Amino acid sequence: MVIRLGRSVDTTQSEMTLMDYDAFVIYNPVGDDLHFVKLLVSVMEAPPYSLRLFVPWRDHAREDHYVSADLIQNKCRKCIVVLSNNFANSEMAEFQLKYATSLSPANLQNRVVPVCIEKCDIPEVLRFTCTLQYYKTDTRPWFWQRLYKAFLKHDREADQQVKEGVNLPDIILDTSCRKIKHHWSVT
């Protein structure tokens, strides 16, 4: 039995994942951002999602750049960035965002998941990254499913495949379909 964040979780050593948390939440703890982060935690840590989120100032009280960098790099699969007009007022949040994006240039691994909680300017490092827009009420009914399925759930399956030893040379292109065979043929 492992105890995390005040919850007990039954796991065996073989079931332990490579990372301790599914996501590190990057936000400015001052202002309305905190209200959204509380909602995010209450929804995403509860069933059916049951994700493990690391939330600074809840799970670790000290503001320390070194600790944040270590957690982002070694303990968390993804980073959820809560963007608002208030975001740029936090030096710690700016540092955490820049460090997280430096670990995955061009966000090829979808390591950084930006969430806009109000219409605001997107930081330059996220300019070419798709953002989830919580402030749009017409997309809100499926916002939580998109956050889970599109970004976070995929990594759990990928980690499981890595554990089972699936690698690229084992993947074979099925050319039994004529369309695929024609598309991949060299003329």
N, C-alpha and C. Protein backbone atom coordinates (compact mmCIF):
# COMPACT_ATOMS: atom_id res chain seq x y z
N MET A 1 0.85 -1.17 0.00
CA MET A 1 0.00 0.00 0.00
C MET A 1 0.89 1.24 0.00
N VAL A 2 0.59 2.17 -0.89
CA VAL A 2 1.33 3.41 -0.99
C VAL A 2 0.39 4.55 -0.63
N ILE A 3 0.87 5.50 0.17
CA ILE A 3 0.04 6.63 0.55
C ILE A 3 0.54 7.86 -0.17
N ARG A 4 -0.34 8.51 -0.94
CA ARG A 4 0.00 9.70 -1.70
C ARG A 4 -1.05 10.76 -1.46
N LEU A 5 -0.62 11.96 -1.14
CA LEU A 5 -1.50 13.10 -1.02
C LEU A 5 -2.69 12.84 -0.12
N GLY A 6 -2.48 12.10 0.94
CA GLY A 6 -3.55 11.84 1.87
C GLY A 6 -4.48 10.73 1.45
N ARG A 7 -4.21 10.08 0.29
CA ARG A 7 -5.04 8.98 -0.18
C ARG A 7 -4.21 7.71 -0.13
N SER A 8 -4.84 6.60 0.15
CA SER A 8 -4.11 5.33 0.09
C SER A 8 -4.46 4.64 -1.21
N VAL A 9 -3.43 4.11 -1.87
CA VAL A 9 -3.61 3.46 -3.15
C VAL A 9 -2.96 2.09 -3.06
N ASP A 10 -3.73 1.03 -3.35
CA ASP A 10 -3.18 -0.32 -3.35
C ASP A 10 -2.47 -0.57 -4.67
N THR A 11 -1.16 -0.80 -4.59
CA THR A 11 -0.39 -1.11 -5.79
C THR A 11 0.70 -2.10 -5.42
N THR A 12 1.10 -2.88 -6.41
CA THR A 12 2.26 -3.73 -6.23
C THR A 12 3.43 -3.02 -6.89
N GLN A 13 4.63 -3.50 -6.65
CA GLN A 13 5.81 -2.87 -7.21
C GLN A 13 5.77 -2.91 -8.74
N SER A 14 5.24 -4.00 -9.34
CA SER A 14 5.20 -4.10 -10.79
C SER A 14 4.20 -3.13 -11.40
N GLU A 15 3.19 -2.70 -10.62
CA GLU A 15 2.20 -1.77 -11.14
C GLU A 15 2.65 -0.32 -11.04
N MET A 16 3.71 -0.05 -10.31
CA MET A 16 4.17 1.33 -10.15
C MET A 16 4.63 1.86 -11.51
N THR A 17 4.24 3.07 -11.83
CA THR A 17 4.62 3.67 -13.10
C THR A 17 6.00 4.31 -12.96
N LEU A 18 6.54 4.72 -14.08
CA LEU A 18 7.85 5.34 -14.08
C LEU A 18 7.81 6.71 -13.41
N MET A 19 6.67 7.37 -13.46
CA MET A 19 6.51 8.69 -12.88
C MET A 19 5.55 8.61 -11.70
N ASP A 20 5.70 9.53 -10.76
CA ASP A 20 4.83 9.54 -9.60
C ASP A 20 3.52 10.25 -9.86
N TYR A 21 3.51 11.24 -10.74
CA TYR A 21 2.31 12.04 -11.00
C TYR A 21 2.01 12.05 -12.49
N ASP A 22 0.73 12.18 -12.80
CA ASP A 22 0.33 12.29 -14.20
C ASP A 22 0.62 13.69 -14.74
N ALA A 23 0.47 14.71 -13.91
CA ALA A 23 0.68 16.07 -14.39
C ALA A 23 1.10 17.01 -13.27
N PHE A 24 1.90 17.97 -13.64
CA PHE A 24 2.31 19.07 -12.77
C PHE A 24 1.46 20.26 -13.19
N VAL A 25 0.79 20.91 -12.27
CA VAL A 25 -0.08 22.04 -12.60
C VAL A 25 0.70 23.33 -12.42
N ILE A 26 0.86 24.07 -13.52
CA ILE A 26 1.56 25.34 -13.51
C ILE A 26 0.51 26.45 -13.52
N TYR A 27 0.53 27.30 -12.50
CA TYR A 27 -0.46 28.37 -12.40
C TYR A 27 0.04 29.46 -11.48
N ASN A 28 -0.63 30.59 -11.50
CA ASN A 28 -0.35 31.67 -10.57
C ASN A 28 -1.32 31.51 -9.40
N PRO A 29 -0.83 31.28 -8.19
CA PRO A 29 -1.73 31.00 -7.06
C PRO A 29 -2.51 32.22 -6.57
N VAL A 30 -2.26 33.37 -7.14
CA VAL A 30 -2.96 34.58 -6.73
C VAL A 30 -4.07 34.86 -7.74
N GLY A 31 -5.25 35.15 -7.26
CA GLY A 31 -6.35 35.52 -8.14
C GLY A 31 -7.27 34.37 -8.48
N ASP A 32 -7.96 34.50 -9.62
CA ASP A 32 -8.96 33.52 -10.04
C ASP A 32 -8.37 32.20 -10.49
N ASP A 33 -7.09 32.17 -10.80
CA ASP A 33 -6.45 30.93 -11.23
C ASP A 33 -6.60 29.85 -10.18
N LEU A 34 -6.49 30.22 -8.93
CA LEU A 34 -6.59 29.26 -7.83
C LEU A 34 -7.97 28.60 -7.79
N HIS A 35 -9.02 29.34 -8.08
CA HIS A 35 -10.37 28.77 -8.09
C HIS A 35 -10.49 27.70 -9.18
N PHE A 36 -9.93 27.98 -10.37
CA PHE A 36 -9.97 26.99 -11.43
C PHE A 36 -9.14 25.77 -11.08
N VAL A 37 -7.98 25.97 -10.48
CA VAL A 37 -7.11 24.84 -10.12
C VAL A 37 -7.82 23.94 -9.11
N LYS A 38 -8.54 24.52 -8.16
CA LYS A 38 -9.31 23.71 -7.20
C LYS A 38 -10.37 22.89 -7.93
N LEU A 39 -11.04 23.48 -8.91
CA LEU A 39 -12.02 22.74 -9.71
C LEU A 39 -11.33 21.64 -10.52
N LEU A 40 -10.20 21.97 -11.14
CA LEU A 40 -9.42 21.01 -11.91
C LEU A 40 -9.04 19.80 -11.06
N VAL A 41 -8.56 20.05 -9.86
CA VAL A 41 -8.15 18.97 -8.96
C VAL A 41 -9.35 18.14 -8.55
N SER A 42 -10.46 18.78 -8.20
CA SER A 42 -11.63 18.03 -7.74
C SER A 42 -12.21 17.15 -8.85
N VAL A 43 -12.14 17.59 -10.10
CA VAL A 43 -12.69 16.80 -11.20
C VAL A 43 -11.70 15.73 -11.65
N MET A 44 -10.44 16.10 -11.89
CA MET A 44 -9.50 15.16 -12.49
C MET A 44 -8.93 14.13 -11.52
N GLU A 45 -8.93 14.41 -10.22
CA GLU A 45 -8.44 13.41 -9.27
C GLU A 45 -9.54 12.45 -8.81
N ALA A 46 -10.77 12.74 -9.16
CA ALA A 46 -11.90 11.88 -8.79
C ALA A 46 -12.20 10.91 -9.94
N PRO A 47 -12.89 9.81 -9.63
CA PRO A 47 -13.31 8.92 -10.71
C PRO A 47 -14.25 9.66 -11.66
N PRO A 48 -14.27 9.40 -12.92
CA PRO A 48 -13.65 8.30 -13.63
C PRO A 48 -12.22 8.56 -14.08
N TYR A 49 -11.70 9.78 -13.88
CA TYR A 49 -10.37 10.11 -14.39
C TYR A 49 -9.27 9.60 -13.48
N SER A 50 -9.37 9.81 -12.20
CA SER A 50 -8.43 9.31 -11.18
C SER A 50 -6.98 9.61 -11.51
N LEU A 51 -6.70 10.83 -11.93
CA LEU A 51 -5.33 11.22 -12.22
C LEU A 51 -4.65 11.69 -10.94
N ARG A 52 -3.35 11.63 -10.94
CA ARG A 52 -2.56 12.15 -9.82
C ARG A 52 -1.92 13.45 -10.28
N LEU A 53 -2.35 14.55 -9.70
CA LEU A 53 -1.84 15.87 -10.07
C LEU A 53 -0.95 16.41 -8.98
N PHE A 54 0.19 16.97 -9.38
CA PHE A 54 1.03 17.68 -8.43
C PHE A 54 0.69 19.15 -8.53
N VAL A 55 0.22 19.72 -7.43
CA VAL A 55 -0.18 21.12 -7.40
C VAL A 55 0.74 21.85 -6.43
N PRO A 56 1.61 22.75 -6.94
CA PRO A 56 2.46 23.52 -6.04
C PRO A 56 1.61 24.30 -5.04
N TRP A 57 2.16 24.56 -3.92
CA TRP A 57 1.51 25.25 -2.81
C TRP A 57 0.43 24.40 -2.14
N ARG A 58 0.13 23.22 -2.68
CA ARG A 58 -0.74 22.27 -1.99
C ARG A 58 0.12 21.07 -1.58
N ASP A 59 0.89 20.55 -2.52
CA ASP A 59 1.70 19.37 -2.27
C ASP A 59 3.11 19.70 -1.80
N HIS A 60 3.57 20.90 -2.06
CA HIS A 60 4.90 21.33 -1.65
C HIS A 60 4.83 22.82 -1.39
N ALA A 61 5.03 23.22 -0.16
CA ALA A 61 4.78 24.60 0.25
C ALA A 61 5.86 25.58 -0.19
N ARG A 62 7.10 25.11 -0.38
CA ARG A 62 8.19 26.03 -0.71
C ARG A 62 8.20 26.41 -2.18
N GLU A 63 8.50 27.66 -2.44
CA GLU A 63 8.73 28.12 -3.81
C GLU A 63 10.21 27.98 -4.09
N ASP A 64 10.59 26.96 -4.84
CA ASP A 64 11.99 26.70 -5.11
C ASP A 64 12.14 26.27 -6.56
N HIS A 65 12.96 26.97 -7.31
CA HIS A 65 13.13 26.66 -8.73
C HIS A 65 13.72 25.27 -8.93
N TYR A 66 14.68 24.91 -8.10
CA TYR A 66 15.33 23.61 -8.25
C TYR A 66 14.34 22.47 -8.02
N VAL A 67 13.54 22.58 -6.98
CA VAL A 67 12.55 21.54 -6.67
C VAL A 67 11.52 21.44 -7.79
N SER A 68 11.04 22.59 -8.28
CA SER A 68 10.08 22.58 -9.38
C SER A 68 10.66 21.91 -10.62
N ALA A 69 11.88 22.26 -10.96
CA ALA A 69 12.52 21.67 -12.15
C ALA A 69 12.67 20.16 -12.00
N ASP A 70 13.07 19.71 -10.83
CA ASP A 70 13.23 18.28 -10.60
C ASP A 70 11.89 17.55 -10.70
N LEU A 71 10.86 18.11 -10.12
CA LEU A 71 9.53 17.50 -10.18
C LEU A 71 9.01 17.44 -11.61
N ILE A 72 9.15 18.52 -12.36
CA ILE A 72 8.67 18.57 -13.74
C ILE A 72 9.41 17.54 -14.60
N GLN A 73 10.71 17.44 -14.41
CA GLN A 73 11.50 16.56 -15.26
C GLN A 73 11.40 15.09 -14.85
N ASN A 74 11.43 14.80 -13.55
CA ASN A 74 11.58 13.42 -13.12
C ASN A 74 10.33 12.78 -12.50
N LYS A 75 9.38 13.56 -12.08
CA LYS A 75 8.24 12.98 -11.35
C LYS A 75 6.90 13.12 -12.04
N CYS A 76 6.81 13.96 -13.08
CA CYS A 76 5.52 14.24 -13.72
C CYS A 76 5.60 13.97 -15.22
N ARG A 77 4.58 13.31 -15.76
CA ARG A 77 4.53 13.03 -17.19
C ARG A 77 4.26 14.28 -18.01
N LYS A 78 3.32 15.08 -17.57
CA LYS A 78 2.86 16.25 -18.32
C LYS A 78 2.84 17.47 -17.42
N CYS A 79 2.60 18.61 -18.03
CA CYS A 79 2.37 19.85 -17.30
C CYS A 79 1.11 20.48 -17.83
N ILE A 80 0.17 20.76 -16.96
CA ILE A 80 -1.03 21.50 -17.32
C ILE A 80 -0.76 22.95 -16.95
N VAL A 81 -0.82 23.82 -17.93
CA VAL A 81 -0.54 25.24 -17.71
C VAL A 81 -1.87 26.00 -17.71
N VAL A 82 -2.20 26.60 -16.60
CA VAL A 82 -3.44 27.37 -16.47
C VAL A 82 -3.12 28.81 -16.86
N LEU A 83 -3.64 29.23 -18.02
CA LEU A 83 -3.34 30.54 -18.56
C LEU A 83 -4.47 31.52 -18.30
N SER A 84 -4.10 32.71 -17.87
CA SER A 84 -5.05 33.80 -17.66
C SER A 84 -4.28 35.11 -17.80
N ASN A 85 -4.98 36.21 -17.68
CA ASN A 85 -4.30 37.51 -17.72
C ASN A 85 -3.36 37.68 -16.52
N ASN A 86 -3.59 36.92 -15.47
CA ASN A 86 -2.81 36.99 -14.25
C ASN A 86 -1.55 36.12 -14.30
N PHE A 87 -1.44 35.24 -15.30
CA PHE A 87 -0.35 34.26 -15.35
C PHE A 87 1.03 34.91 -15.38
N ALA A 88 1.20 35.94 -16.18
CA ALA A 88 2.51 36.57 -16.35
C ALA A 88 2.99 37.30 -15.11
N ASN A 89 2.13 37.48 -14.12
CA ASN A 89 2.53 38.16 -12.88
C ASN A 89 3.30 37.25 -11.93
N SER A 90 3.40 35.98 -12.24
CA SER A 90 4.11 35.03 -11.37
C SER A 90 5.43 34.61 -12.02
N GLU A 91 6.53 34.99 -11.39
CA GLU A 91 7.85 34.59 -11.90
C GLU A 91 8.03 33.07 -11.83
N MET A 92 7.51 32.46 -10.77
CA MET A 92 7.64 31.01 -10.61
C MET A 92 6.89 30.28 -11.73
N ALA A 93 5.68 30.71 -12.04
CA ALA A 93 4.90 30.08 -13.11
C ALA A 93 5.60 30.25 -14.45
N GLU A 94 6.15 31.42 -14.70
CA GLU A 94 6.89 31.66 -15.95
C GLU A 94 8.11 30.72 -16.05
N PHE A 95 8.85 30.58 -14.95
CA PHE A 95 10.00 29.68 -14.94
C PHE A 95 9.56 28.23 -15.20
N GLN A 96 8.53 27.79 -14.50
CA GLN A 96 8.06 26.41 -14.66
C GLN A 96 7.63 26.14 -16.10
N LEU A 97 6.93 27.09 -16.71
CA LEU A 97 6.50 26.93 -18.09
C LEU A 97 7.69 26.83 -19.04
N LYS A 98 8.64 27.73 -18.89
CA LYS A 98 9.81 27.72 -19.78
C LYS A 98 10.64 26.46 -19.59
N TYR A 99 10.75 25.99 -18.36
CA TYR A 99 11.51 24.77 -18.11
C TYR A 99 10.79 23.56 -18.73
N ALA A 100 9.49 23.49 -18.55
CA ALA A 100 8.72 22.37 -19.11
C ALA A 100 8.79 22.34 -20.64
N THR A 101 8.72 23.50 -21.27
CA THR A 101 8.80 23.53 -22.74
C THR A 101 10.21 23.22 -23.22
N SER A 102 11.21 23.50 -22.42
CA SER A 102 12.58 23.18 -22.83
C SER A 102 12.82 21.67 -22.84
N LEU A 103 12.04 20.92 -22.10
CA LEU A 103 12.19 19.46 -22.07
C LEU A 103 11.61 18.79 -23.30
N SER A 104 10.72 19.48 -23.99
CA SER A 104 10.10 18.94 -25.19
C SER A 104 10.00 20.04 -26.24
N PRO A 105 11.11 20.32 -26.94
CA PRO A 105 11.06 21.38 -27.95
C PRO A 105 9.98 21.11 -28.99
N ALA A 106 9.28 22.13 -29.39
CA ALA A 106 8.17 22.06 -30.34
C ALA A 106 7.02 21.21 -29.80
N ASN A 107 7.07 20.88 -28.53
CA ASN A 107 6.00 20.12 -27.86
C ASN A 107 5.67 18.83 -28.62
N LEU A 108 6.69 18.16 -29.14
CA LEU A 108 6.47 16.94 -29.92
C LEU A 108 5.89 15.82 -29.06
N GLN A 109 6.18 15.81 -27.79
CA GLN A 109 5.66 14.76 -26.91
C GLN A 109 4.39 15.21 -26.20
N ASN A 110 3.85 16.35 -26.58
CA ASN A 110 2.66 16.91 -25.91
C ASN A 110 2.86 16.97 -24.41
N ARG A 111 4.05 17.35 -23.99
CA ARG A 111 4.35 17.40 -22.56
C ARG A 111 3.66 18.56 -21.87
N VAL A 112 3.41 19.65 -22.60
CA VAL A 112 2.78 20.83 -22.02
C VAL A 112 1.37 20.94 -22.58
N VAL A 113 0.39 21.02 -21.68
CA VAL A 113 -1.02 21.12 -22.05
C VAL A 113 -1.55 22.47 -21.56
N PRO A 114 -1.65 23.46 -22.45
CA PRO A 114 -2.15 24.77 -22.01
C PRO A 114 -3.68 24.79 -21.92
N VAL A 115 -4.17 25.40 -20.85
CA VAL A 115 -5.61 25.56 -20.63
C VAL A 115 -5.87 27.04 -20.39
N CYS A 116 -6.64 27.67 -21.27
CA CYS A 116 -6.99 29.08 -21.10
C CYS A 116 -8.29 29.16 -20.30
N ILE A 117 -8.24 29.84 -19.16
CA ILE A 117 -9.46 29.97 -18.37
C ILE A 117 -10.16 31.30 -18.64
N GLU A 118 -9.50 32.17 -19.37
CA GLU A 118 -10.11 33.42 -19.83
C GLU A 118 -9.36 33.85 -21.08
N LYS A 119 -10.00 34.68 -21.87
CA LYS A 119 -9.35 35.16 -23.09
C LYS A 119 -8.14 35.99 -22.69
N CYS A 120 -6.96 35.57 -23.15
CA CYS A 120 -5.73 36.23 -22.74
C CYS A 120 -4.66 36.03 -23.81
N ASP A 121 -3.55 36.74 -23.65
CA ASP A 121 -2.42 36.57 -24.54
C ASP A 121 -1.70 35.27 -24.18
N ILE A 122 -1.37 34.50 -25.21
CA ILE A 122 -0.65 33.24 -25.02
C ILE A 122 0.84 33.55 -24.94
N PRO A 123 1.56 32.99 -23.96
CA PRO A 123 3.01 33.20 -23.90
C PRO A 123 3.70 32.74 -25.19
N GLU A 124 4.76 33.41 -25.54
CA GLU A 124 5.46 33.16 -26.80
C GLU A 124 5.88 31.69 -26.96
N VAL A 125 6.30 31.04 -25.88
CA VAL A 125 6.76 29.64 -25.98
C VAL A 125 5.62 28.68 -26.31
N LEU A 126 4.37 29.12 -26.14
CA LEU A 126 3.21 28.27 -26.44
C LEU A 126 2.48 28.73 -27.70
N ARG A 127 3.06 29.63 -28.44
CA ARG A 127 2.38 30.24 -29.58
C ARG A 127 1.87 29.20 -30.59
N PHE A 128 2.60 28.13 -30.81
CA PHE A 128 2.21 27.15 -31.82
C PHE A 128 1.70 25.85 -31.20
N THR A 129 1.18 25.94 -30.02
CA THR A 129 0.64 24.78 -29.32
C THR A 129 -0.87 24.93 -29.21
N CYS A 130 -1.60 23.86 -29.43
CA CYS A 130 -3.06 23.90 -29.28
C CYS A 130 -3.41 24.10 -27.82
N THR A 131 -4.38 24.96 -27.57
CA THR A 131 -4.80 25.21 -26.20
C THR A 131 -6.24 24.76 -26.01
N LEU A 132 -6.53 24.27 -24.82
CA LEU A 132 -7.90 23.98 -24.44
C LEU A 132 -8.49 25.26 -23.87
N GLN A 133 -9.66 25.62 -24.32
CA GLN A 133 -10.24 26.90 -23.92
C GLN A 133 -11.44 26.67 -23.01
N TYR A 134 -11.18 26.76 -21.73
CA TYR A 134 -12.23 26.56 -20.74
C TYR A 134 -13.23 27.71 -20.73
N TYR A 135 -12.80 28.89 -21.12
CA TYR A 135 -13.67 30.06 -21.05
C TYR A 135 -14.78 30.02 -22.09
N LYS A 136 -14.67 29.18 -23.11
CA LYS A 136 -15.73 29.06 -24.12
C LYS A 136 -16.81 28.12 -23.58
N THR A 137 -17.97 28.67 -23.34
CA THR A 137 -19.04 27.88 -22.70
C THR A 137 -19.60 26.81 -23.63
N ASP A 138 -19.49 27.00 -24.95
CA ASP A 138 -20.04 25.99 -25.86
C ASP A 138 -19.21 24.71 -25.89
N THR A 139 -17.94 24.76 -25.54
CA THR A 139 -17.11 23.54 -25.51
C THR A 139 -16.93 22.98 -24.11
N ARG A 140 -17.47 23.65 -23.12
CA ARG A 140 -17.27 23.22 -21.73
C ARG A 140 -17.85 21.84 -21.41
N PRO A 141 -18.97 21.41 -22.00
CA PRO A 141 -19.50 20.09 -21.63
C PRO A 141 -18.53 18.94 -21.86
N TRP A 142 -17.67 19.03 -22.83
CA TRP A 142 -16.71 17.94 -23.06
C TRP A 142 -15.27 18.37 -22.79
N PHE A 143 -15.09 19.45 -22.09
CA PHE A 143 -13.74 19.94 -21.77
C PHE A 143 -12.93 18.91 -20.98
N TRP A 144 -13.51 18.35 -19.93
CA TRP A 144 -12.77 17.42 -19.07
C TRP A 144 -12.40 16.14 -19.81
N GLN A 145 -13.30 15.65 -20.66
CA GLN A 145 -12.96 14.45 -21.45
C GLN A 145 -11.83 14.74 -22.42
N ARG A 146 -11.85 15.92 -23.03
CA ARG A 146 -10.77 16.28 -23.96
C ARG A 146 -9.44 16.38 -23.23
N LEU A 147 -9.47 16.99 -22.06
CA LEU A 147 -8.23 17.12 -21.29
C LEU A 147 -7.68 15.74 -20.94
N TYR A 148 -8.54 14.85 -20.55
CA TYR A 148 -8.10 13.51 -20.16
C TYR A 148 -7.69 12.67 -21.37
N LYS A 149 -8.57 12.54 -22.34
CA LYS A 149 -8.33 11.64 -23.46
C LYS A 149 -7.26 12.12 -24.43
N ALA A 150 -7.32 13.38 -24.78
CA ALA A 150 -6.41 13.87 -25.80
C ALA A 150 -4.98 14.02 -25.33
N PHE A 151 -4.78 14.26 -24.04
CA PHE A 151 -3.43 14.55 -23.59
C PHE A 151 -2.89 13.58 -22.55
N LEU A 152 -3.66 13.26 -21.54
CA LEU A 152 -3.11 12.53 -20.42
C LEU A 152 -3.27 11.02 -20.53
N LYS A 153 -4.39 10.54 -21.03
CA LYS A 153 -4.62 9.10 -21.08
C LYS A 153 -3.64 8.41 -22.02
N HIS A 154 -3.30 9.06 -23.12
CA HIS A 154 -2.40 8.48 -24.11
C HIS A 154 -1.07 8.05 -23.50
N ASP A 155 -0.54 8.83 -22.59
CA ASP A 155 0.75 8.50 -21.99
C ASP A 155 0.70 7.25 -21.13
N ARG A 156 -0.40 7.02 -20.43
CA ARG A 156 -0.50 5.80 -19.63
C ARG A 156 -0.40 4.57 -20.52
N GLU A 157 -1.08 4.61 -21.68
CA GLU A 157 -1.02 3.49 -22.61
C GLU A 157 0.38 3.35 -23.19
N ALA A 158 1.02 4.46 -23.51
CA ALA A 158 2.38 4.43 -24.06
C ALA A 158 3.35 3.88 -23.03
N ASP A 159 3.22 4.30 -21.77
CA ASP A 159 4.08 3.77 -20.71
C ASP A 159 3.89 2.27 -20.55
N GLN A 160 2.66 1.80 -20.67
CA GLN A 160 2.39 0.37 -20.55
C GLN A 160 3.05 -0.39 -21.69
N GLN A 161 3.01 0.17 -22.91
CA GLN A 161 3.66 -0.47 -24.04
C GLN A 161 5.17 -0.51 -23.85
N VAL A 162 5.75 0.54 -23.31
CA VAL A 162 7.19 0.55 -23.05
C VAL A 162 7.54 -0.52 -22.04
N LYS A 163 6.71 -0.66 -21.00
CA LYS A 163 6.95 -1.69 -20.00
C LYS A 163 6.89 -3.08 -20.61
N GLU A 164 5.96 -3.28 -21.56
CA GLU A 164 5.78 -4.60 -22.17
C GLU A 164 6.81 -4.87 -23.25
N GLY A 165 7.64 -3.90 -23.57
CA GLY A 165 8.72 -4.12 -24.53
C GLY A 165 8.35 -3.88 -25.97
N VAL A 166 7.30 -3.12 -26.26
CA VAL A 166 6.95 -2.79 -27.63
C VAL A 166 7.88 -1.69 -28.09
N ASN A 167 8.55 -1.91 -29.23
CA ASN A 167 9.40 -0.87 -29.77
C ASN A 167 9.17 -0.73 -31.27
N LEU A 168 9.72 0.28 -31.88
CA LEU A 168 9.43 0.58 -33.27
C LEU A 168 9.76 -0.53 -34.25
N PRO A 169 10.86 -1.27 -34.12
CA PRO A 169 11.12 -2.33 -35.09
C PRO A 169 10.06 -3.43 -35.08
N ASP A 170 9.28 -3.56 -34.02
CA ASP A 170 8.24 -4.58 -33.95
C ASP A 170 6.97 -4.16 -34.71
N ILE A 171 6.87 -2.91 -35.11
CA ILE A 171 5.68 -2.43 -35.80
C ILE A 171 5.84 -2.69 -37.28
N ILE A 172 4.88 -3.38 -37.87
CA ILE A 172 4.94 -3.75 -39.28
C ILE A 172 3.78 -3.07 -40.00
N LEU A 173 4.05 -2.49 -41.17
CA LEU A 173 3.01 -1.85 -41.96
C LEU A 173 2.20 -2.92 -42.67
N ASP A 174 0.89 -2.89 -42.47
CA ASP A 174 -0.01 -3.84 -43.13
C ASP A 174 -0.33 -3.29 -44.51
N THR A 175 0.17 -3.95 -45.56
CA THR A 175 -0.05 -3.48 -46.93
C THR A 175 -1.07 -4.34 -47.66
N SER A 176 -1.93 -5.04 -46.93
CA SER A 176 -2.93 -5.87 -47.59
C SER A 176 -4.03 -5.03 -48.23
N CYS A 177 -4.22 -3.84 -47.80
CA CYS A 177 -5.22 -2.94 -48.38
C CYS A 177 -4.64 -2.29 -49.63
N ARG A 178 -5.40 -2.27 -50.72
CA ARG A 178 -4.91 -1.71 -51.98
C ARG A 178 -4.55 -0.23 -51.87
N LYS A 179 -5.38 0.53 -51.15
CA LYS A 179 -5.11 1.96 -51.03
C LYS A 179 -3.78 2.20 -50.34
N ILE A 180 -3.52 1.48 -49.27
CA ILE A 180 -2.26 1.63 -48.55
C ILE A 180 -1.10 1.19 -49.43
N LYS A 181 -1.27 0.05 -50.12
CA LYS A 181 -0.20 -0.47 -50.97
C LYS A 181 0.13 0.55 -52.08
N HIS A 182 -0.91 1.14 -52.68
CA HIS A 182 -0.68 2.12 -53.73
C HIS A 182 -0.01 3.37 -53.18
N HIS A 183 -0.44 3.82 -51.99
CA HIS A 183 0.11 5.02 -51.38
C HIS A 183 1.58 4.85 -51.01
N TRP A 184 1.96 3.66 -50.57
CA TRP A 184 3.33 3.43 -50.10
C TRP A 184 4.24 2.85 -51.18
N SER A 185 3.71 2.58 -52.35
CA SER A 185 4.57 2.00 -53.40
C SER A 185 5.46 3.08 -54.01
N VAL A 186 6.61 2.66 -54.44
CA VAL A 186 7.58 3.56 -55.05
C VAL A 186 7.47 3.40 -56.56
N THR A 187 7.29 4.51 -57.26
CA THR A 187 7.17 4.43 -58.73
C THR A 187 8.32 5.10 -59.40
